[in-house]
Amino acid sequence: MKFATSPHLDALCGEYLLGTLRGAARRRFERALNDEPLVALRLRHLETLFAPRYSEMIKMEPSPLLWKRLDHELQLSRYRPRWDRSLGFWRAWAVATTFGLLTVMAVQVLLPAWFPAELVEIARLESKDKGVTLYAELSKDQRTLRLRAPRPVLAGPAQSYELWLLPVGGGAPLSLAVLGTLDVSISLPERQAAGLRTGAKLAVSVEPAGGSPTGAPTGPVILVGEVRT
């Protein structure tokens, strides 16, 4: 039985994380983690979802009345420097200047995200068992390739995904990007965009962290689809 296509995969992952999956069932699941990359990816995603997070409830802030009382009893006002000699003034000035610069940079970076280019679907990448489908969409200016997964698919801690272009008529695969997730937008150089034409194929392989060490797929190819423009 393939765990990756099982409708009970999330339940099995949950039992494994809680430690309630034991005996032969646990051993079979651990073998699937090594043999089926999609099972390991799903487990990693659920671990991220259920990781403990910092609680705002433990924060405490002294009341304004307490601060006023301390100010009065310790006569702190006599130690306050002139506003233009205050370290707080210069800190505030530095923070405001930095914030202004970051705002300008953020607008430059996020403006394309606020007004995204129109995308057209050019391929559907599927696994061999048809259990996973990945949609590839290309902007009309051919500068952005968008990969869209119906559900989050994350690479494991020691793995990366690598997206390959298989040229029309054969030839060596061309690496388009090394990815940590299959839901992402990729900026395409003109040479790579020119290869995305009818008859070419897109494929995703599982590689060591950082991508293929050889410049060609070395791990299992988990998704493949033909380009139709």
Foldseek 3Di string as FASTA:
>chain_A
DQLLQDPCLVVLLVCVVVVNQDDPRNVVLVVNVVVPQQSVQVSVVVCVVPPDDDDPVPDDDDDPVVVVVCCVVVVCVVVDDPLVPDPVNVVVVVVVVVVVVVVVVCCVVCVCVVVPADWDWFKWKAFPVRRWIWTWIAGPVLFKIFIQGPDKGFGDPFKWKWKWKAAAPGDAIATQDIHGIRGDMGTGDPVVSVRQEFRMKMWIFIGTPPDDPPRHHDGDTGIMITTYD
